[in-house]
C-alpha cells in the first residue's frame, strides 16, 4: 500500500479516537503512525503523554506530539525519554535553545549515541552562529548544527563554510531563518555539488511557489535532482489528500504533507544522509524523518511544519530576494 493511502487510513483512525484535537494535530499523529516502525495503541500514547506532561511540565498537546514521535521508532519508549531528557538538560543548562524547543532536537540526537565531545562541539558551533544571527532558535537548526559538528576541522572553519553558503543563498532567497537552514544543509555536501543543488533549489521553489512550503523542504527536494522528475508523483499525492475532511480547513498543510510523505522513505535521501555523516555509528533510515521534520512543541498551531515559517532576519529589516 502506498504511503499516502496508508496515511489516509491512519488519519481516519486517529480522528475517530482523538476527537477533541485540531486537524493539524491529527495530521501529525497520523504521519507518525504511517512512517513509524512500531504500531502503538492510542491509549498507550495517552499514557506516555501523561508521563511526559508530568515530568517535562508541558501541556497535554505538546506531550502527545512528543509521545507520538517516540513511540513511532523506539522499542523502549521510556528509555528514550530518559536519554532525551538528559540531552535536553545539557542544552537548557547552556541556554542553547529555548528549553522546551530543545526536546525535539534532543530526541534526534539521543538516537545517534552522541559523545560529550560532539555535544560540546555542537554548543560551540551554535554559540558562534548565534552571535551573528539572532533568529537561530528552531529545533531544526539545532539538528543541523549537530550534524555539522561531525565534520572534521575546527568549529570556526565549519561555521565559515556555512556562512559562505548563507551569503550566496540569501542573495537569492532573503535573510531568513529558512535560508540559514538550507545553508546548513547544503554546506554538508561536497563543495563541487553546491551550485547544482542551488539551481535545483531555485527550480523547486519556482515550480511550487503557490504551495507556500518552507524553503527547507525545497532544499530537501533539491537533493533529489530535477524537480520535474518528481512533480507528477507529488501531484498524485496532493490529489489523494485533497478529498480528506481533515485538510478542509488546513489547506496550508496539503502540499507540505505530500512532500513529507514523498521524502520520508525516499531511498535517495536516506542514502545521502548516511553519506553525510559516515562517522555516526548508529545512523539508520529511521533517523531521517526526525532530522527533516522535528516538531516545535512550543507552537502546536504549526505542529506539522515544525513552526518553520520564513520569519526572523539578521541585521536590518531584511528583504525577500527574487529567484530570477
Protein backbone atom coordinates (compact mmCIF):
# COMPACT_ATOMS: atom_id res chain seq x y z
CA UNK A 1 0.00 0.00 0.00
CA UNK A 2 1.37 3.42 -0.91
CA UNK A 3 2.34 5.72 1.93
CA UNK A 4 -0.34 8.28 1.07
CA UNK A 5 -3.07 5.63 1.17
CA UNK A 6 -1.77 4.27 4.47
CA UNK A 7 -1.61 7.79 5.83
CA UNK A 8 -5.28 8.44 4.99
CA UNK A 9 -6.31 5.21 6.73
CA UNK A 10 -4.28 6.20 9.78
CA UNK A 11 -5.76 9.69 9.73
CA UNK A 12 -9.28 8.27 9.80
CA UNK A 13 -8.43 6.08 12.81
CA UNK A 14 -6.67 8.89 14.64
CA UNK A 15 -9.57 11.26 14.02
CA UNK A 16 -12.08 8.80 15.44
CA UNK A 17 -10.07 8.36 18.65
CA UNK A 18 -8.68 11.85 19.33
CA UNK A 19 -11.94 13.66 18.61
CA UNK A 20 -11.12 16.76 20.65
CA UNK A 21 -7.88 17.68 18.83
CA UNK A 22 -7.50 20.09 15.93
CA UNK A 23 -6.88 18.81 12.41
CA UNK A 24 -3.21 19.81 12.32
CA UNK A 25 -2.50 17.70 15.41
CA UNK A 26 -4.40 14.71 13.99
CA UNK A 27 -2.42 15.03 10.74
CA UNK A 28 0.85 14.93 12.66
CA UNK A 29 -0.18 11.90 14.71
CA UNK A 30 -1.25 10.05 11.56
CA UNK A 31 2.06 10.90 9.88
CA UNK A 32 3.97 9.27 12.75
CA UNK A 33 1.75 6.20 12.62
CA UNK A 34 2.40 5.93 8.87
CA UNK A 35 6.18 6.25 8.73
CA UNK A 36 6.99 4.69 12.10
CA UNK A 37 8.36 1.23 12.71
CA UNK A 38 6.06 0.38 15.61
CA UNK A 39 2.27 0.29 15.75
CA UNK A 40 1.09 1.79 19.02
CA UNK A 41 -2.29 1.70 20.69
CA UNK A 42 -3.72 5.17 21.10
CA UNK A 43 -4.38 4.53 24.78
CA UNK A 44 -0.66 3.83 25.19
CA UNK A 45 0.20 7.13 23.51
CA UNK A 46 -2.04 8.89 26.02
CA UNK A 47 -0.36 7.15 28.96
CA UNK A 48 3.09 8.16 27.72
CA UNK A 49 1.85 11.69 27.09
CA UNK A 50 0.63 11.89 30.69
CA UNK A 51 4.09 10.84 31.88
CA UNK A 52 5.80 13.42 29.65
CA UNK A 53 3.36 16.15 30.69
CA UNK A 54 4.16 15.50 34.33
CA UNK A 55 7.94 15.27 34.01
CA UNK A 56 8.52 17.91 31.35
CA UNK A 57 5.91 20.33 32.69
CA UNK A 58 4.42 20.66 29.22
CA UNK A 59 0.78 20.92 28.28
CA UNK A 60 -1.22 17.97 27.02
CA UNK A 61 -0.92 18.57 23.27
CA UNK A 62 2.83 19.11 23.39
CA UNK A 63 3.25 15.93 25.40
CA UNK A 64 1.10 13.93 22.98
CA UNK A 65 3.16 15.07 19.98
CA UNK A 66 6.40 14.04 21.67
CA UNK A 67 4.93 10.71 22.76
CA UNK A 68 3.88 10.07 19.18
CA UNK A 69 7.39 10.78 17.85
CA UNK A 70 8.92 8.48 20.45
CA UNK A 71 6.58 5.52 20.04
CA UNK A 72 6.89 5.64 16.25
CA UNK A 73 10.52 4.47 16.29
CA UNK A 74 11.51 3.34 19.78
CA UNK A 75 11.02 -0.17 21.11
CA UNK A 76 11.74 1.11 24.63
CA UNK A 77 9.99 4.48 24.85
CA UNK A 78 10.79 5.27 28.47
CA UNK A 79 14.49 4.59 27.96
CA UNK A 80 14.34 7.03 25.04
CA UNK A 81 12.60 9.63 27.18
CA UNK A 82 15.33 9.35 29.81
CA UNK A 83 18.10 9.83 27.23
CA UNK A 84 16.22 12.68 25.56
CA UNK A 85 15.73 14.49 28.88
CA UNK A 86 19.42 14.13 29.70
CA UNK A 87 20.47 15.78 26.43
CA UNK A 88 17.78 18.43 26.73
CA UNK A 89 19.08 19.23 30.21
CA UNK A 90 22.53 19.82 28.69
CA UNK A 91 21.03 22.21 26.13
CA UNK A 92 18.94 24.04 28.72
CA UNK A 93 21.85 24.40 31.13
CA UNK A 94 23.91 26.05 28.38
CA UNK A 95 20.96 28.01 27.01
CA UNK A 96 21.47 26.55 23.58
CA UNK A 97 17.78 26.88 22.70
CA UNK A 98 14.52 27.60 24.40
CA UNK A 99 14.27 24.76 26.97
CA UNK A 100 11.03 23.35 25.56
CA UNK A 101 12.18 23.76 21.98
CA UNK A 102 15.22 21.63 22.66
CA UNK A 103 13.28 18.40 23.26
CA UNK A 104 12.73 17.58 19.60
CA UNK A 105 16.41 18.23 18.87
CA UNK A 106 17.38 16.13 21.88
CA UNK A 107 15.14 13.32 20.64
CA UNK A 108 17.03 13.09 17.36
CA UNK A 109 20.45 13.40 18.92
CA UNK A 110 19.71 10.78 21.58
CA UNK A 111 19.23 8.23 18.79
CA UNK A 112 22.75 8.84 17.48
CA UNK A 113 24.60 8.00 20.71
CA UNK A 114 26.40 11.36 20.93
CA UNK A 115 29.63 11.70 22.85
CA UNK A 116 30.22 14.60 25.23
CA UNK A 117 32.74 15.95 22.74
CA UNK A 118 30.17 16.11 19.96
CA UNK A 119 27.63 17.81 22.21
CA UNK A 120 30.17 20.44 23.21
CA UNK A 121 31.20 20.99 19.58
CA UNK A 122 27.53 21.48 18.73
CA UNK A 123 27.22 24.01 21.53
CA UNK A 124 30.31 25.89 20.35
CA UNK A 125 29.09 25.99 16.76
CA UNK A 126 25.66 27.17 17.87
CA UNK A 127 27.10 29.97 20.01
CA UNK A 128 29.34 31.22 17.22
CA UNK A 129 26.44 31.32 14.79
CA UNK A 130 24.12 32.91 17.35
CA UNK A 131 26.47 35.90 17.65
CA UNK A 132 25.71 36.79 14.04
CA UNK A 133 22.10 35.64 13.64
CA UNK A 134 19.58 36.33 16.37
CA UNK A 135 16.95 34.16 14.63
CA UNK A 136 18.76 30.88 15.37
CA UNK A 137 16.20 29.32 17.68
CA UNK A 138 14.44 26.42 15.94
CA UNK A 139 14.92 22.72 16.68
CA UNK A 140 15.68 22.05 13.02
CA UNK A 141 18.66 24.40 13.20
CA UNK A 142 19.90 22.59 16.30
CA UNK A 143 19.70 19.26 14.49
CA UNK A 144 21.77 20.53 11.58
CA UNK A 145 24.36 22.08 13.92
CA UNK A 146 24.79 18.63 15.45
CA UNK A 147 25.37 17.04 12.04
CA UNK A 148 27.83 19.80 11.16
CA UNK A 149 29.88 19.07 14.26
CA UNK A 150 30.70 15.60 12.91
CA UNK A 151 32.66 17.11 10.04
CA UNK A 152 36.39 17.45 10.50
CA UNK A 153 38.11 20.69 11.37
CA UNK A 154 37.76 23.45 13.92
CA UNK A 155 34.29 24.83 14.57
CA UNK A 156 35.41 28.22 13.26
CA UNK A 157 36.19 26.59 9.90
CA UNK A 158 32.86 24.76 9.88
CA UNK A 159 30.98 27.98 10.59
CA UNK A 160 32.91 29.83 7.89
CA UNK A 161 31.74 27.29 5.32
CA UNK A 162 28.14 27.62 6.49
CA UNK A 163 28.38 31.41 6.34
CA UNK A 164 29.77 31.28 2.81
CA UNK A 165 26.80 29.17 1.75
CA UNK A 166 24.40 31.51 3.55
CA UNK A 167 25.91 34.60 1.92
CA UNK A 168 25.28 33.11 -1.51
CA UNK A 169 21.79 31.84 -0.72
CA UNK A 170 20.48 34.99 0.95
CA UNK A 171 21.12 37.00 -2.22
CA UNK A 172 18.51 34.83 -3.93
CA UNK A 173 16.17 33.86 -1.09
CA UNK A 174 16.42 36.60 1.53
CA UNK A 175 17.86 36.88 5.02
CA UNK A 176 15.56 34.40 6.72
CA UNK A 177 15.88 31.52 9.15
CA UNK A 178 14.78 29.14 6.41
CA UNK A 179 17.65 30.33 4.21
CA UNK A 180 20.09 29.53 7.00
CA UNK A 181 18.62 26.05 7.40
CA UNK A 182 19.30 25.38 3.72
CA UNK A 183 22.82 26.79 4.12
CA UNK A 184 23.45 24.32 6.95
CA UNK A 185 22.12 21.50 4.78
CA UNK A 186 23.99 22.39 1.59
CA UNK A 187 27.28 23.03 3.40
CA UNK A 188 27.25 19.37 4.44
CA UNK A 189 27.53 18.45 0.76
CA UNK A 190 30.69 18.30 -1.36
CA UNK A 191 31.63 21.81 -2.48
CA UNK A 192 31.65 20.81 -6.15
CA UNK A 193 27.92 19.96 -5.92
CA UNK A 194 26.84 23.24 -4.34
CA UNK A 195 25.89 25.20 -7.46
CA UNK A 196 23.92 22.29 -8.91
CA UNK A 197 21.86 21.98 -5.72
CA UNK A 198 21.25 25.73 -5.64
CA UNK A 199 19.93 25.58 -9.19
CA UNK A 200 17.63 22.71 -8.23
CA UNK A 201 16.51 24.62 -5.13
CA UNK A 202 15.59 27.63 -7.23
CA UNK A 203 13.78 25.44 -9.76
CA UNK A 204 11.80 23.71 -6.98
CA UNK A 205 10.75 26.99 -5.41
CA UNK A 206 9.75 28.45 -8.77
CA UNK A 207 7.74 25.35 -9.68
CA UNK A 208 5.88 25.13 -6.35
CA UNK A 209 5.77 28.81 -5.42
CA UNK A 210 1.99 28.81 -4.88
CA UNK A 211 2.24 25.88 -2.45
CA UNK A 212 3.98 28.00 0.21
CA UNK A 213 6.06 25.24 1.78
CA UNK A 214 9.07 26.32 3.86
CA UNK A 215 12.30 26.82 1.91
CA UNK A 216 13.95 23.95 3.84
CA UNK A 217 11.63 21.50 2.10
CA UNK A 218 12.58 22.93 -1.29
CA UNK A 219 16.16 22.27 -0.21
CA UNK A 220 15.33 18.67 0.53
CA UNK A 221 13.53 18.22 -2.78
CA UNK A 222 16.56 19.76 -4.48
CA UNK A 223 18.70 16.90 -3.17
CA UNK A 224 16.67 14.51 -5.34
CA UNK A 225 17.63 16.24 -8.59
CA UNK A 226 15.50 17.93 -11.22
CA UNK A 227 12.16 18.97 -9.61
CA UNK A 228 10.33 18.00 -12.78
CA UNK A 229 11.23 14.36 -12.21
CA UNK A 230 9.15 14.03 -9.04
CA UNK A 231 6.41 16.57 -9.84
CA UNK A 232 3.88 14.05 -11.11
CA UNK A 233 4.22 11.87 -8.03
CA UNK A 234 3.76 14.84 -5.72
CA UNK A 235 0.70 15.95 -7.68
CA UNK A 236 -0.82 12.47 -7.30
CA UNK A 237 -0.30 12.53 -3.52
CA UNK A 238 -1.82 16.01 -3.28
CA UNK A 239 -4.92 14.87 -5.14
CA UNK A 240 -5.26 11.86 -2.83
CA UNK A 241 -5.07 14.03 0.26
CA UNK A 242 -7.25 16.85 -1.03
CA UNK A 243 -10.55 15.00 -0.55
CA UNK A 244 -9.91 14.19 3.12
CA UNK A 245 -12.06 16.19 5.51
CA UNK A 246 -9.12 16.94 7.84
CA UNK A 247 -7.50 19.08 5.16
CA UNK A 248 -10.68 21.06 4.51
CA UNK A 249 -9.65 23.75 6.99
CA UNK A 250 -5.89 23.16 6.75
CA UNK A 251 -5.25 23.56 3.04
CA UNK A 252 -1.95 25.19 4.01
CA UNK A 253 -0.73 21.74 5.05
CA UNK A 254 -1.87 19.88 1.95
CA UNK A 255 1.21 20.18 -0.25
CA UNK A 256 3.54 20.14 2.75
CA UNK A 257 2.19 16.77 3.84
CA UNK A 258 2.53 15.43 0.29
CA UNK A 259 6.19 16.45 0.31
CA UNK A 260 6.78 14.90 3.72
CA UNK A 261 5.23 11.59 2.71
CA UNK A 262 7.25 11.59 -0.50
CA UNK A 263 10.52 12.35 1.27
CA UNK A 264 10.12 10.26 4.41
CA UNK A 265 11.27 6.95 2.96
CA UNK A 266 12.84 8.12 -0.28
CA UNK A 267 15.89 5.87 -0.87
CA UNK A 268 17.99 8.66 -2.41
CA UNK A 269 17.52 10.84 0.64
CA UNK A 270 18.29 8.00 3.04
CA UNK A 271 21.48 7.11 1.20
CA UNK A 272 22.56 10.73 1.05
CA UNK A 273 22.18 11.32 4.76
CA UNK A 274 24.07 8.14 5.54
CA UNK A 275 26.91 9.55 3.41
CA UNK A 276 26.71 12.97 5.07
CA UNK A 277 27.56 11.55 8.48
CA UNK A 278 29.55 8.35 7.88
CA UNK A 279 31.26 8.62 11.26
CA UNK A 280 27.98 8.24 13.15
CA UNK A 281 27.88 4.58 14.08
CA UNK A 282 24.16 4.31 14.69
CA UNK A 283 22.72 6.29 11.79
CA UNK A 284 19.86 4.47 10.15
CA UNK A 285 16.90 5.20 7.94
CA UNK A 286 14.63 5.93 10.89
CA UNK A 287 16.72 8.96 11.89
CA UNK A 288 15.98 10.74 8.63
CA UNK A 289 12.37 11.77 9.39
CA UNK A 290 13.42 13.14 12.77
CA UNK A 291 16.14 15.19 11.18
CA UNK A 292 13.91 16.51 8.43
CA UNK A 293 10.66 17.01 10.32
CA UNK A 294 11.19 17.78 14.00
CA UNK A 295 8.18 19.28 15.73
CA UNK A 296 8.25 22.61 17.51
CA UNK A 297 6.45 21.71 20.72
CA UNK A 298 6.25 25.34 21.78
CA UNK A 299 3.93 26.13 18.84
CA UNK A 300 1.34 23.43 18.35
CA UNK A 301 -0.55 25.54 15.83
CA UNK A 302 2.22 24.68 13.38
CA UNK A 303 2.84 21.14 14.56
CA UNK A 304 3.12 19.67 11.11
CA UNK A 305 5.65 22.12 9.69
CA UNK A 306 7.72 22.40 12.84
CA UNK A 307 6.73 26.03 13.24
CA UNK A 308 9.22 26.74 10.48
CA UNK A 309 7.97 29.88 8.85
CA UNK A 310 10.20 32.23 6.90
CA UNK A 311 10.49 34.68 9.74
CA UNK A 312 13.33 36.36 11.59
CA UNK A 313 16.04 38.39 9.96
CA UNK A 314 19.67 39.01 10.72
CA UNK A 315 20.82 42.60 10.84
CA UNK A 316 18.50 45.12 9.22
CA UNK A 317 14.86 44.65 8.29
CA UNK A 318 15.81 42.18 5.59
CA UNK A 319 14.35 41.65 2.19
CA UNK A 320 12.96 38.82 0.16
CA UNK A 321 15.03 38.42 -2.95
CA UNK A 322 13.79 37.23 -6.29
CA UNK A 323 14.64 33.81 -7.64
CA UNK A 324 15.04 35.22 -11.11
